Amino acid sequence: MSGPVRAFIVDDDVDFAESLALVLEENNCEVKLACSGEDAINTFKNQEFDITFMDVKLPGKNGVESFLEIRRFKPESKVIMMTGYSVSQLLDEAVENGAWGVLHKPFNMEIMFEMLSKIKSHGILIADDDPDFVNTIIDILETKGYTVYVASNGKETLERLKSGGIDVLLLDLHMPLLSGLEVYVELTKTGNTVPTIIVTAYAKEEARELDRLRTLSVTGILTKPFDPKVLLQTLKNITGS
């Protein structure tokens, strides 16, 4: 992930929230605070965050209720639940519904920084409807420390990109609903500049589409099956790591 991590702290313990914010700001994070579940929900409707630290015990809606509501309209949100109490049932519900982790107050900062290191890893979106190919690439990329997301059709790809957190798009040319070319053309119209590597198993048959993509300055083109080392080197050239 390029640039600072966008962190959101939701806690009605102002002293704790400000102390945590200070630690995060000293570690290349931009931090926003909220003190209630309702404030958090409203903020999420207008802003994007890379990571959220949400206390379970909040005035009004508790942290888990707030998290579940946020997940309905921001399903990709990474939320770490925090608690100083024994609330295993609530925490279990949060984890079962996609909470990214749990921190028990007072928590070990090393554990928090380990979570942050995963957030800071470069986000790769694989847009491909071939599950075998997708699973193979996920295994390769995750072992190299990348955070991997998946979209199985063109429309889903565009929606996922709107959520942010994507540093490179690995885009199959032949996809349902919208083709890779249609997706990339739409990205250029909206000004989205995410580096994009086109993947195709039909280079000869799709030569015209590939020529069009070259004129649109696509970042790279890979023909299946390709050497994983070529993909990793291409990603390294793009991300710098």
Protein backbone atom coordinates (compact mmCIF):
# COMPACT_ATOMS: atom_id res chain seq x y z
CA MET A 1 0.00 0.00 0.00
CA SER A 2 1.43 3.37 -0.98
CA GLY A 3 1.17 6.38 1.35
CA PRO A 4 0.09 6.45 4.99
CA VAL A 5 -2.38 3.99 6.43
CA ARG A 6 -5.83 5.52 6.95
CA ALA A 7 -6.80 4.45 10.48
CA PHE A 8 -10.10 4.99 12.27
CA ILE A 9 -10.44 4.64 16.06
CA VAL A 10 -13.94 4.25 17.51
CA ASP A 11 -13.88 4.42 21.32
CA ASP A 12 -15.66 6.52 23.94
CA ASP A 13 -12.59 6.39 26.19
CA VAL A 14 -11.06 9.62 24.93
CA ASP A 15 -7.74 9.22 26.74
CA PHE A 16 -7.23 5.72 25.34
CA ALA A 17 -8.28 6.76 21.82
CA GLU A 18 -5.94 9.75 21.78
CA SER A 19 -3.04 7.68 23.12
CA LEU A 20 -3.58 5.03 20.45
CA ALA A 21 -3.90 7.74 17.80
CA LEU A 22 -0.54 9.20 18.84
CA VAL A 23 1.15 5.80 18.52
CA LEU A 24 -0.39 5.25 15.09
CA GLU A 25 0.50 8.73 13.84
CA GLU A 26 4.11 8.10 14.84
CA ASN A 27 3.99 5.02 12.61
CA ASN A 28 2.86 6.56 9.33
CA CYS A 29 -0.89 6.54 9.91
CA GLU A 30 -3.51 9.22 9.30
CA VAL A 31 -5.98 8.87 12.16
CA LYS A 32 -9.62 9.86 12.61
CA LEU A 33 -11.56 9.45 15.87
CA ALA A 34 -15.19 8.75 16.72
CA CYS A 35 -16.74 8.10 20.12
CA SER A 36 -19.97 6.23 19.26
CA GLY A 37 -21.26 3.57 16.91
CA GLU A 38 -23.60 6.02 15.20
CA ASP A 39 -20.71 8.41 14.52
CA ALA A 40 -18.67 5.55 13.10
CA ILE A 41 -21.46 4.44 10.76
CA ASN A 42 -22.03 7.97 9.45
CA THR A 43 -18.31 8.52 8.96
CA PHE A 44 -17.95 5.27 7.01
CA LYS A 45 -20.64 6.43 4.58
CA ASN A 46 -18.43 9.32 3.48
CA GLN A 47 -14.84 8.18 4.01
CA GLU A 48 -12.56 5.23 3.26
CA PHE A 49 -10.27 3.62 5.83
CA ASP A 50 -7.59 0.97 5.59
CA ILE A 51 -8.09 -0.22 9.17
CA THR A 52 -10.56 0.48 11.97
CA PHE A 53 -10.08 -0.14 15.69
CA MET A 54 -13.57 -0.39 17.20
CA ASP A 55 -14.32 -0.82 20.90
CA VAL A 56 -17.07 -3.30 21.70
CA LYS A 57 -18.58 -1.26 24.54
CA LEU A 58 -19.90 1.96 23.00
CA PRO A 59 -22.80 4.27 23.90
CA GLY A 60 -25.93 3.62 21.84
CA LYS A 61 -25.15 0.90 19.31
CA ASN A 62 -22.39 -1.32 20.63
CA GLY A 63 -19.28 -1.95 18.57
CA VAL A 64 -20.42 -5.27 17.14
CA GLU A 65 -23.82 -3.90 16.09
CA SER A 66 -22.07 -0.96 14.45
CA PHE A 67 -19.57 -3.23 12.72
CA LEU A 68 -22.35 -5.43 11.32
CA GLU A 69 -24.18 -2.39 9.94
CA ILE A 70 -20.99 -1.05 8.35
CA ARG A 71 -20.33 -4.43 6.75
CA ARG A 72 -23.68 -4.21 4.96
CA PHE A 73 -22.56 -1.25 2.87
CA LYS A 74 -18.75 -1.58 3.13
CA PRO A 75 -18.18 -5.36 3.06
CA GLU A 76 -14.43 -5.02 2.47
CA SER A 77 -13.85 -2.98 5.63
CA LYS A 78 -11.06 -4.25 7.88
CA VAL A 79 -12.26 -3.83 11.47
CA ILE A 80 -10.39 -4.92 14.59
CA MET A 81 -12.59 -5.24 17.66
CA MET A 82 -11.20 -3.99 20.98
CA THR A 83 -12.45 -4.83 24.46
CA GLY A 84 -11.46 -4.60 28.08
CA TYR A 85 -14.29 -6.88 29.17
CA SER A 86 -15.26 -10.53 28.87
CA VAL A 87 -17.74 -10.42 26.00
CA SER A 88 -16.93 -13.64 24.18
CA GLN A 89 -20.39 -14.03 22.63
CA LEU A 90 -20.25 -10.60 21.01
CA LEU A 91 -16.69 -11.13 19.82
CA ASP A 92 -17.58 -14.52 18.36
CA GLU A 93 -20.42 -12.89 16.42
CA ALA A 94 -18.07 -10.22 15.07
CA VAL A 95 -15.41 -12.73 14.01
CA GLU A 96 -18.01 -15.00 12.38
CA ASN A 97 -19.17 -12.00 10.33
CA GLY A 98 -15.74 -10.98 9.11
CA ALA A 99 -14.05 -8.93 11.84
CA TRP A 100 -10.37 -8.74 10.95
CA GLY A 101 -9.14 -9.44 14.47
CA VAL A 102 -9.60 -8.91 18.21
CA LEU A 103 -7.42 -6.96 20.65
CA HIS A 104 -7.93 -7.30 24.39
CA LYS A 105 -7.14 -4.16 26.39
CA PRO A 106 -4.51 -3.44 27.48
CA PHE A 107 -3.11 -5.00 24.33
CA ASN A 108 0.40 -5.82 23.23
CA MET A 109 1.57 -3.16 20.77
CA GLU A 110 3.67 -5.72 18.91
CA ILE A 111 0.51 -7.63 18.04
CA MET A 112 -1.11 -4.43 16.79
CA PHE A 113 1.93 -3.56 14.68
CA GLU A 114 1.88 -7.06 13.20
CA MET A 115 -1.70 -6.42 12.10
CA LEU A 116 -0.68 -3.05 10.68
CA SER A 117 2.15 -4.62 8.69
CA LYS A 118 -0.42 -6.74 6.88
CA ILE A 119 -2.47 -3.63 6.12
CA LYS A 120 0.60 -1.93 4.69
CA SER A 121 1.22 -4.75 2.23
CA HIS A 122 0.36 -3.99 -1.38
CA GLY A 123 -3.20 -4.84 -2.39
CA ILE A 124 -3.60 -6.88 -5.57
CA LEU A 125 -7.03 -7.36 -7.15
CA ILE A 126 -7.31 -10.50 -9.30
CA ALA A 127 -10.20 -10.08 -11.73
CA ASP A 128 -10.74 -13.50 -13.29
CA ASP A 129 -13.56 -16.06 -13.47
CA ASP A 130 -11.24 -19.11 -13.58
CA PRO A 131 -11.15 -20.38 -9.96
CA ASP A 132 -8.17 -22.69 -10.54
CA PHE A 133 -6.07 -19.85 -11.95
CA VAL A 134 -7.21 -17.50 -9.19
CA ASN A 135 -6.33 -19.93 -6.40
CA THR A 136 -2.90 -20.58 -7.90
CA ILE A 137 -2.11 -16.87 -8.12
CA ILE A 138 -3.42 -16.23 -4.61
CA ASP A 139 -1.00 -18.84 -3.23
CA ILE A 140 1.92 -17.27 -5.10
CA LEU A 141 1.15 -13.69 -4.10
CA GLU A 142 0.30 -14.32 -0.45
CA THR A 143 3.59 -16.13 0.14
CA LYS A 144 5.30 -12.93 -1.06
CA GLY A 145 3.38 -10.78 1.41
CA TYR A 146 0.78 -9.28 -0.91
CA THR A 147 -2.81 -8.78 0.21
CA VAL A 148 -5.05 -10.37 -2.42
CA TYR A 149 -8.63 -9.58 -3.38
CA VAL A 150 -10.76 -11.33 -6.00
CA ALA A 151 -13.50 -10.30 -8.42
CA SER A 152 -15.10 -12.82 -10.77
CA ASN A 153 -16.70 -10.50 -13.35
CA GLY A 154 -16.26 -7.06 -14.83
CA LYS A 155 -18.97 -5.29 -12.86
CA GLU A 156 -17.70 -6.70 -9.57
CA THR A 157 -14.21 -5.49 -10.50
CA LEU A 158 -15.36 -1.90 -10.96
CA GLU A 159 -17.30 -1.97 -7.69
CA ARG A 160 -14.33 -3.38 -5.77
CA LEU A 161 -11.99 -0.72 -7.13
CA LYS A 162 -14.29 1.99 -5.78
CA SER A 163 -13.57 0.75 -2.25
CA GLY A 164 -9.88 1.63 -2.53
CA GLY A 165 -6.86 -0.22 -1.17
CA ILE A 166 -5.86 -1.69 -4.55
CA ASP A 167 -2.32 -1.03 -5.79
CA VAL A 168 -2.34 -3.31 -8.85
CA LEU A 169 -5.15 -4.83 -10.92
CA LEU A 170 -4.55 -8.24 -12.54
CA LEU A 171 -7.32 -8.20 -15.16
CA ASP A 172 -8.40 -11.12 -17.33
CA LEU A 173 -9.43 -10.02 -20.79
CA HIS A 174 -12.21 -12.60 -21.16
CA MET A 175 -14.74 -12.13 -18.32
CA PRO A 176 -18.53 -12.26 -17.90
CA LEU A 177 -20.78 -9.16 -17.75
CA LEU A 178 -18.00 -6.78 -18.80
CA SER A 179 -14.84 -7.80 -20.64
CA GLY A 180 -11.40 -6.77 -19.46
CA LEU A 181 -11.25 -4.19 -22.25
CA GLU A 182 -14.60 -2.70 -21.21
CA VAL A 183 -13.45 -2.55 -17.59
CA TYR A 184 -10.21 -0.79 -18.49
CA VAL A 185 -11.95 1.69 -20.79
CA GLU A 186 -14.35 2.53 -17.96
CA LEU A 187 -11.41 3.04 -15.59
CA THR A 188 -9.77 5.49 -17.97
CA LYS A 189 -13.05 7.41 -18.27
CA THR A 190 -13.34 7.79 -14.49
CA GLY A 191 -9.70 8.77 -14.05
CA ASN A 192 -8.76 5.65 -12.08
CA THR A 193 -5.01 5.23 -12.57
CA VAL A 194 -4.47 1.89 -10.83
CA PRO A 195 -1.66 0.02 -12.63
CA THR A 196 -3.25 -2.78 -14.64
CA ILE A 197 -1.75 -6.02 -15.94
CA ILE A 198 -3.90 -7.68 -18.59
CA VAL A 199 -4.02 -11.49 -18.56
CA THR A 200 -5.25 -13.57 -21.49
CA ALA A 201 -5.16 -17.14 -22.72
CA TYR A 202 -6.19 -16.06 -26.23
CA ALA A 203 -3.53 -13.60 -27.36
CA LYS A 204 -3.97 -14.34 -31.08
CA GLU A 205 -7.76 -14.32 -31.05
CA GLU A 206 -7.87 -11.14 -28.96
CA ALA A 207 -5.09 -9.30 -30.77
CA ARG A 208 -7.36 -6.39 -31.69
CA GLU A 209 -8.45 -5.87 -28.07
CA LEU A 210 -4.83 -6.10 -26.90
CA ASP A 211 -3.77 -3.49 -29.46
CA ARG A 212 -6.51 -1.19 -28.18
CA LEU A 213 -5.29 -1.68 -24.61
CA ARG A 214 -1.74 -0.84 -25.63
CA THR A 215 -2.96 2.46 -27.07
CA LEU A 216 -4.66 3.11 -23.71
CA SER A 217 -1.29 2.62 -21.97
CA VAL A 218 -2.11 -0.53 -20.03
CA THR A 219 0.76 -1.35 -17.65
CA GLY A 220 1.50 -4.83 -18.98
CA ILE A 221 0.16 -7.93 -20.74
CA LEU A 222 0.73 -11.55 -19.72
CA THR A 223 -0.30 -14.58 -21.78
CA LYS A 224 -1.49 -17.69 -19.92
CA PRO A 225 0.21 -19.88 -18.92
CA PHE A 226 2.99 -17.58 -17.75
CA ASP A 227 6.00 -18.03 -15.49
CA PRO A 228 5.10 -16.82 -11.96
CA LYS A 229 8.56 -15.24 -11.76
CA VAL A 230 7.57 -12.91 -14.60
CA LEU A 231 4.44 -11.84 -12.71
CA LEU A 232 6.37 -11.28 -9.47
CA GLN A 233 9.04 -9.23 -11.24
CA THR A 234 6.37 -7.14 -12.96
CA LEU A 235 4.67 -6.47 -9.61
CA LYS A 236 8.02 -5.59 -8.04
CA ASN A 237 8.68 -3.09 -10.84
CA ILE A 238 5.27 -1.50 -10.25
CA THR A 239 5.19 -1.42 -6.44
CA GLY A 240 8.88 -0.98 -5.77
CA SER A 241 8.92 -3.87 -3.31
